Amino acid sequence: MTAARPRVITQSGEPVVHFDLDAVESEARDEHFTFTLGGEVFTMQPPEDADWRVVDDISNGAGLTAFVQELLGNDYEKFAKHKLTSRKLGLLIDECTRFYGITPGESQASKRSSKSTRRR
């Protein structure tokens, strides 16, 4: 086990910060993914913007409700009042990820890689 590196401190006494996650903004899209169910319109955020803990739960076979709640945000309560099969929910999530240009385990950035580095 290696020893921890000492922090680099600025003249003001604060540690040097190399990356500020608070400053990272999601890439804005002009249009959000919307769908209808029972005559109502719903909006889903990009799955890659979901909280990492919710995504971890779903990847470990649990937390589907929390994942859907995360994606729907304020629309979740009215969505949950509708009866929906697992097959339709799966299709909905597939369409949402397709709309945002991502596939499970892949970020949007990887789709923008050059053709020479993309998997074939």
N, C-alpha and C. Protein backbone atom coordinates (compact mmCIF):
# COMPACT_ATOMS: atom_id res chain seq x y z
N MET A 1 0.85 -1.18 0.00
CA MET A 1 0.00 0.00 0.00
C MET A 1 0.89 1.24 0.00
N THR A 2 0.59 2.18 -0.86
CA THR A 2 1.40 3.37 -0.96
C THR A 2 0.91 4.43 0.02
N ALA A 3 1.82 5.26 0.43
CA ALA A 3 1.47 6.34 1.36
C ALA A 3 0.69 7.41 0.62
N ALA A 4 -0.22 8.06 1.32
CA ALA A 4 -1.00 9.13 0.72
C ALA A 4 -0.10 10.30 0.38
N ARG A 5 -0.37 10.90 -0.77
CA ARG A 5 0.40 12.07 -1.17
C ARG A 5 -0.03 13.27 -0.35
N PRO A 6 0.90 14.11 0.02
CA PRO A 6 0.50 15.31 0.77
C PRO A 6 -0.28 16.27 -0.13
N ARG A 7 -1.20 16.99 0.46
CA ARG A 7 -1.97 17.98 -0.29
C ARG A 7 -1.10 19.17 -0.63
N VAL A 8 -1.36 19.71 -1.82
CA VAL A 8 -0.70 20.95 -2.21
C VAL A 8 -1.60 22.08 -1.73
N ILE A 9 -1.03 22.99 -0.98
CA ILE A 9 -1.79 24.08 -0.38
C ILE A 9 -1.43 25.39 -1.08
N THR A 10 -2.44 26.21 -1.35
CA THR A 10 -2.21 27.52 -1.98
C THR A 10 -1.73 28.50 -0.92
N GLN A 11 -1.35 29.67 -1.36
CA GLN A 11 -0.89 30.71 -0.42
C GLN A 11 -1.99 31.13 0.54
N SER A 12 -3.25 30.98 0.13
CA SER A 12 -4.36 31.35 1.01
C SER A 12 -4.67 30.25 2.03
N GLY A 13 -3.96 29.12 1.94
CA GLY A 13 -4.15 28.04 2.90
C GLY A 13 -5.15 26.99 2.48
N GLU A 14 -5.72 27.13 1.29
CA GLU A 14 -6.70 26.17 0.77
C GLU A 14 -5.99 25.12 -0.08
N PRO A 15 -6.52 23.90 -0.11
CA PRO A 15 -5.93 22.88 -0.98
C PRO A 15 -6.16 23.22 -2.44
N VAL A 16 -5.23 22.82 -3.30
CA VAL A 16 -5.39 23.01 -4.74
C VAL A 16 -6.49 22.08 -5.22
N VAL A 17 -7.42 22.60 -5.99
CA VAL A 17 -8.52 21.80 -6.55
C VAL A 17 -8.23 21.59 -8.03
N HIS A 18 -8.21 20.32 -8.45
CA HIS A 18 -7.89 19.99 -9.83
C HIS A 18 -9.13 19.84 -10.71
N PHE A 19 -10.26 19.56 -10.12
CA PHE A 19 -11.49 19.36 -10.90
C PHE A 19 -12.67 19.72 -10.02
N ASP A 20 -13.57 20.54 -10.52
CA ASP A 20 -14.73 21.00 -9.76
C ASP A 20 -16.00 20.38 -10.34
N LEU A 21 -16.48 19.30 -9.71
CA LEU A 21 -17.71 18.65 -10.17
C LEU A 21 -18.93 19.55 -10.05
N ASP A 22 -18.90 20.48 -9.11
CA ASP A 22 -20.03 21.40 -8.95
C ASP A 22 -20.19 22.30 -10.17
N ALA A 23 -19.11 22.51 -10.91
CA ALA A 23 -19.15 23.39 -12.06
C ALA A 23 -19.55 22.67 -13.35
N VAL A 24 -19.63 21.35 -13.31
CA VAL A 24 -19.96 20.58 -14.50
C VAL A 24 -21.46 20.68 -14.75
N GLU A 25 -21.81 21.11 -15.91
CA GLU A 25 -23.21 21.22 -16.31
C GLU A 25 -23.52 20.10 -17.28
N SER A 26 -24.72 19.57 -17.21
CA SER A 26 -25.16 18.60 -18.20
C SER A 26 -25.28 19.29 -19.54
N GLU A 27 -24.96 18.55 -20.58
CA GLU A 27 -25.14 19.11 -21.91
C GLU A 27 -26.62 19.31 -22.14
N ALA A 28 -26.98 20.53 -22.45
CA ALA A 28 -28.39 20.86 -22.63
C ALA A 28 -28.87 20.39 -24.00
N ARG A 29 -30.07 19.87 -24.03
CA ARG A 29 -30.72 19.50 -25.29
C ARG A 29 -31.86 20.48 -25.49
N ASP A 30 -32.14 20.77 -26.73
CA ASP A 30 -33.26 21.66 -27.02
C ASP A 30 -34.60 20.99 -26.71
N GLU A 31 -34.61 19.67 -26.72
CA GLU A 31 -35.85 18.93 -26.58
C GLU A 31 -35.67 17.82 -25.55
N HIS A 32 -36.67 17.61 -24.72
CA HIS A 32 -36.64 16.53 -23.74
C HIS A 32 -37.47 15.36 -24.25
N PHE A 33 -37.15 14.16 -23.77
CA PHE A 33 -37.91 12.98 -24.15
C PHE A 33 -39.26 13.02 -23.47
N THR A 34 -40.31 13.01 -24.26
CA THR A 34 -41.67 13.00 -23.71
C THR A 34 -42.42 11.81 -24.27
N PHE A 35 -43.40 11.36 -23.53
CA PHE A 35 -44.23 10.23 -23.96
C PHE A 35 -45.61 10.41 -23.36
N THR A 36 -46.55 9.66 -23.92
CA THR A 36 -47.91 9.70 -23.39
C THR A 36 -48.27 8.35 -22.80
N LEU A 37 -49.11 8.41 -21.79
CA LEU A 37 -49.66 7.22 -21.15
C LEU A 37 -51.02 7.62 -20.59
N GLY A 38 -52.05 6.90 -20.99
CA GLY A 38 -53.39 7.22 -20.51
C GLY A 38 -53.84 8.62 -20.84
N GLY A 39 -53.36 9.14 -21.98
CA GLY A 39 -53.74 10.49 -22.41
C GLY A 39 -52.96 11.61 -21.72
N GLU A 40 -52.04 11.27 -20.82
CA GLU A 40 -51.23 12.27 -20.14
C GLU A 40 -49.82 12.32 -20.75
N VAL A 41 -49.19 13.48 -20.70
CA VAL A 41 -47.85 13.65 -21.23
C VAL A 41 -46.86 13.66 -20.07
N PHE A 42 -45.76 12.90 -20.24
CA PHE A 42 -44.71 12.78 -19.23
C PHE A 42 -43.36 13.13 -19.86
N THR A 43 -42.43 13.56 -19.04
CA THR A 43 -41.08 13.89 -19.48
C THR A 43 -40.08 13.09 -18.66
N MET A 44 -39.08 12.51 -19.35
CA MET A 44 -38.02 11.75 -18.67
C MET A 44 -36.68 12.43 -18.90
N GLN A 45 -35.89 12.48 -17.86
CA GLN A 45 -34.53 13.00 -17.99
C GLN A 45 -33.63 11.92 -18.58
N PRO A 46 -32.44 12.27 -19.07
CA PRO A 46 -31.52 11.26 -19.58
C PRO A 46 -31.12 10.29 -18.47
N PRO A 47 -31.15 8.99 -18.73
CA PRO A 47 -30.75 8.02 -17.71
C PRO A 47 -29.34 8.26 -17.17
N GLU A 48 -28.46 8.81 -17.99
CA GLU A 48 -27.10 9.06 -17.52
C GLU A 48 -27.02 10.21 -16.52
N ASP A 49 -28.11 10.97 -16.38
CA ASP A 49 -28.15 12.04 -15.38
C ASP A 49 -28.73 11.57 -14.05
N ALA A 50 -29.11 10.30 -13.97
CA ALA A 50 -29.66 9.75 -12.72
C ALA A 50 -28.57 9.67 -11.66
N ASP A 51 -28.95 9.82 -10.42
CA ASP A 51 -28.02 9.71 -9.30
C ASP A 51 -27.30 8.37 -9.35
N TRP A 52 -26.02 8.36 -9.13
CA TRP A 52 -25.21 7.14 -9.26
C TRP A 52 -25.67 6.03 -8.32
N ARG A 53 -26.18 6.39 -7.14
CA ARG A 53 -26.62 5.35 -6.20
C ARG A 53 -27.85 4.62 -6.73
N VAL A 54 -28.73 5.34 -7.40
CA VAL A 54 -29.91 4.73 -7.99
C VAL A 54 -29.50 3.81 -9.14
N VAL A 55 -28.56 4.27 -9.95
CA VAL A 55 -28.07 3.46 -11.07
C VAL A 55 -27.37 2.21 -10.54
N ASP A 56 -26.62 2.33 -9.47
CA ASP A 56 -25.93 1.18 -8.88
C ASP A 56 -26.96 0.16 -8.38
N ASP A 57 -28.02 0.63 -7.74
CA ASP A 57 -29.06 -0.28 -7.27
C ASP A 57 -29.70 -1.04 -8.42
N ILE A 58 -30.00 -0.34 -9.51
CA ILE A 58 -30.65 -0.99 -10.65
C ILE A 58 -29.70 -1.98 -11.33
N SER A 59 -28.42 -1.66 -11.39
CA SER A 59 -27.47 -2.57 -12.02
C SER A 59 -27.23 -3.81 -11.17
N ASN A 60 -27.55 -3.74 -9.88
CA ASN A 60 -27.43 -4.89 -8.99
C ASN A 60 -28.75 -5.65 -8.83
N GLY A 61 -29.71 -5.35 -9.71
CA GLY A 61 -30.96 -6.11 -9.70
C GLY A 61 -32.02 -5.61 -8.74
N ALA A 62 -31.87 -4.41 -8.22
CA ALA A 62 -32.85 -3.85 -7.30
C ALA A 62 -33.10 -2.39 -7.68
N GLY A 63 -34.10 -1.80 -7.09
CA GLY A 63 -34.29 -0.37 -7.21
C GLY A 63 -34.93 0.12 -8.50
N LEU A 64 -35.71 -0.71 -9.19
CA LEU A 64 -36.36 -0.27 -10.42
C LEU A 64 -37.30 0.91 -10.16
N THR A 65 -38.04 0.83 -9.08
CA THR A 65 -38.96 1.93 -8.75
C THR A 65 -38.20 3.23 -8.52
N ALA A 66 -37.10 3.16 -7.79
CA ALA A 66 -36.29 4.36 -7.53
C ALA A 66 -35.70 4.91 -8.82
N PHE A 67 -35.31 4.03 -9.74
CA PHE A 67 -34.75 4.45 -11.02
C PHE A 67 -35.80 5.19 -11.84
N VAL A 68 -37.00 4.62 -11.94
CA VAL A 68 -38.08 5.26 -12.69
C VAL A 68 -38.46 6.59 -12.03
N GLN A 69 -38.49 6.61 -10.72
CA GLN A 69 -38.79 7.85 -10.00
C GLN A 69 -37.73 8.91 -10.29
N GLU A 70 -36.48 8.51 -10.34
CA GLU A 70 -35.37 9.42 -10.65
C GLU A 70 -35.51 9.98 -12.06
N LEU A 71 -35.86 9.13 -13.02
CA LEU A 71 -35.99 9.58 -14.41
C LEU A 71 -37.18 10.50 -14.63
N LEU A 72 -38.28 10.25 -13.91
CA LEU A 72 -39.50 11.02 -14.12
C LEU A 72 -39.59 12.28 -13.25
N GLY A 73 -38.85 12.31 -12.16
CA GLY A 73 -38.89 13.49 -11.30
C GLY A 73 -40.29 13.81 -10.84
N ASN A 74 -40.73 15.05 -11.09
CA ASN A 74 -42.05 15.50 -10.63
C ASN A 74 -43.21 14.77 -11.29
N ASP A 75 -42.97 14.12 -12.43
CA ASP A 75 -44.03 13.38 -13.11
C ASP A 75 -44.26 12.00 -12.51
N TYR A 76 -43.44 11.57 -11.58
CA TYR A 76 -43.52 10.19 -11.09
C TYR A 76 -44.88 9.88 -10.44
N GLU A 77 -45.38 10.75 -9.61
CA GLU A 77 -46.63 10.47 -8.88
C GLU A 77 -47.79 10.20 -9.83
N LYS A 78 -47.95 11.03 -10.85
CA LYS A 78 -49.06 10.79 -11.79
C LYS A 78 -48.78 9.56 -12.65
N PHE A 79 -47.50 9.27 -12.95
CA PHE A 79 -47.13 8.07 -13.71
C PHE A 79 -47.47 6.81 -12.91
N ALA A 80 -47.17 6.81 -11.62
CA ALA A 80 -47.36 5.64 -10.77
C ALA A 80 -48.83 5.26 -10.62
N LYS A 81 -49.74 6.14 -10.94
CA LYS A 81 -51.17 5.84 -10.86
C LYS A 81 -51.64 4.95 -12.00
N HIS A 82 -50.82 4.83 -13.05
CA HIS A 82 -51.18 4.03 -14.22
C HIS A 82 -50.67 2.60 -14.07
N LYS A 83 -51.46 1.65 -14.55
CA LYS A 83 -51.02 0.27 -14.60
C LYS A 83 -50.16 0.11 -15.86
N LEU A 84 -49.01 -0.51 -15.71
CA LEU A 84 -48.07 -0.64 -16.82
C LEU A 84 -47.34 -1.96 -16.71
N THR A 85 -47.25 -2.71 -17.80
CA THR A 85 -46.54 -3.99 -17.76
C THR A 85 -45.02 -3.77 -17.76
N SER A 86 -44.31 -4.77 -17.31
CA SER A 86 -42.84 -4.70 -17.33
C SER A 86 -42.33 -4.56 -18.75
N ARG A 87 -42.97 -5.23 -19.69
CA ARG A 87 -42.56 -5.14 -21.10
C ARG A 87 -42.66 -3.70 -21.60
N LYS A 88 -43.78 -3.05 -21.31
CA LYS A 88 -43.95 -1.66 -21.75
C LYS A 88 -42.97 -0.73 -21.05
N LEU A 89 -42.71 -0.96 -19.78
CA LEU A 89 -41.73 -0.13 -19.08
C LEU A 89 -40.35 -0.29 -19.71
N GLY A 90 -39.99 -1.53 -20.04
CA GLY A 90 -38.71 -1.77 -20.70
C GLY A 90 -38.62 -1.06 -22.04
N LEU A 91 -39.71 -1.11 -22.82
CA LEU A 91 -39.74 -0.41 -24.10
C LEU A 91 -39.60 1.10 -23.91
N LEU A 92 -40.25 1.62 -22.88
CA LEU A 92 -40.17 3.05 -22.59
C LEU A 92 -38.74 3.46 -22.28
N ILE A 93 -38.06 2.71 -21.43
CA ILE A 93 -36.67 3.04 -21.08
C ILE A 93 -35.76 2.89 -22.30
N ASP A 94 -36.01 1.85 -23.11
CA ASP A 94 -35.23 1.69 -24.34
C ASP A 94 -35.38 2.90 -25.26
N GLU A 95 -36.62 3.35 -25.44
CA GLU A 95 -36.86 4.51 -26.30
C GLU A 95 -36.23 5.78 -25.74
N CYS A 96 -36.28 5.93 -24.42
CA CYS A 96 -35.67 7.09 -23.78
C CYS A 96 -34.16 7.11 -24.02
N THR A 97 -33.51 5.97 -23.81
CA THR A 97 -32.05 5.92 -24.01
C THR A 97 -31.70 6.11 -25.48
N ARG A 98 -32.51 5.58 -26.37
CA ARG A 98 -32.28 5.78 -27.80
C ARG A 98 -32.41 7.26 -28.15
N PHE A 99 -33.43 7.92 -27.60
CA PHE A 99 -33.65 9.34 -27.86
C PHE A 99 -32.43 10.17 -27.43
N TYR A 100 -31.89 9.86 -26.25
CA TYR A 100 -30.75 10.61 -25.74
C TYR A 100 -29.42 10.13 -26.31
N GLY A 101 -29.47 9.08 -27.16
CA GLY A 101 -28.26 8.64 -27.84
C GLY A 101 -27.31 7.83 -26.98
N ILE A 102 -27.85 7.10 -26.01
CA ILE A 102 -26.99 6.28 -25.15
C ILE A 102 -27.51 4.86 -25.11
N THR A 103 -26.65 3.95 -24.74
CA THR A 103 -27.03 2.57 -24.51
C THR A 103 -26.53 2.20 -23.13
N PRO A 104 -27.08 1.18 -22.49
CA PRO A 104 -26.62 0.82 -21.14
C PRO A 104 -25.11 0.65 -21.10
N GLY A 105 -24.49 1.29 -20.13
CA GLY A 105 -23.04 1.18 -19.95
C GLY A 105 -22.24 2.08 -20.86
N GLU A 106 -22.91 2.94 -21.61
CA GLU A 106 -22.22 3.81 -22.55
C GLU A 106 -22.65 5.25 -22.31
N SER A 107 -21.71 6.15 -22.28
CA SER A 107 -22.04 7.56 -22.10
C SER A 107 -22.21 8.22 -23.46
N GLN A 108 -22.79 9.41 -23.49
CA GLN A 108 -22.94 10.14 -24.74
C GLN A 108 -21.57 10.44 -25.34
N ALA A 109 -20.59 10.73 -24.52
CA ALA A 109 -19.28 11.09 -25.02
C ALA A 109 -18.68 9.98 -25.87
N SER A 110 -18.92 8.73 -25.50
CA SER A 110 -18.32 7.64 -26.25
C SER A 110 -18.89 7.54 -27.66
N LYS A 111 -20.12 8.00 -27.88
CA LYS A 111 -20.71 7.96 -29.21
C LYS A 111 -20.06 9.00 -30.11
N ARG A 112 -19.44 9.99 -29.55
CA ARG A 112 -18.83 11.05 -30.33
C ARG A 112 -17.37 10.76 -30.67
N SER A 113 -16.86 9.63 -30.26
CA SER A 113 -15.47 9.32 -30.55
C SER A 113 -15.28 9.16 -32.04
N SER A 114 -14.06 9.30 -32.49
CA SER A 114 -13.80 9.21 -33.91
C SER A 114 -14.09 7.81 -34.43
N LYS A 115 -14.36 7.72 -35.72
CA LYS A 115 -14.67 6.43 -36.32
C LYS A 115 -13.53 5.44 -36.15
N SER A 116 -12.29 5.93 -36.13
CA SER A 116 -11.16 5.03 -36.02
C SER A 116 -11.04 4.40 -34.66
N THR A 117 -11.60 5.03 -33.62
CA THR A 117 -11.50 4.48 -32.27
C THR A 117 -12.77 3.80 -31.81
N ARG A 118 -13.86 3.96 -32.57
CA ARG A 118 -15.12 3.34 -32.21
C ARG A 118 -15.07 1.83 -32.42
N ARG A 119 -15.74 1.10 -31.52
CA ARG A 119 -15.83 -0.35 -31.69
C ARG A 119 -16.67 -0.66 -32.91
N ARG A 120 -16.31 -1.73 -33.59
CA ARG A 120 -17.08 -2.13 -34.78
C ARG A 120 -17.76 -3.41 -34.55
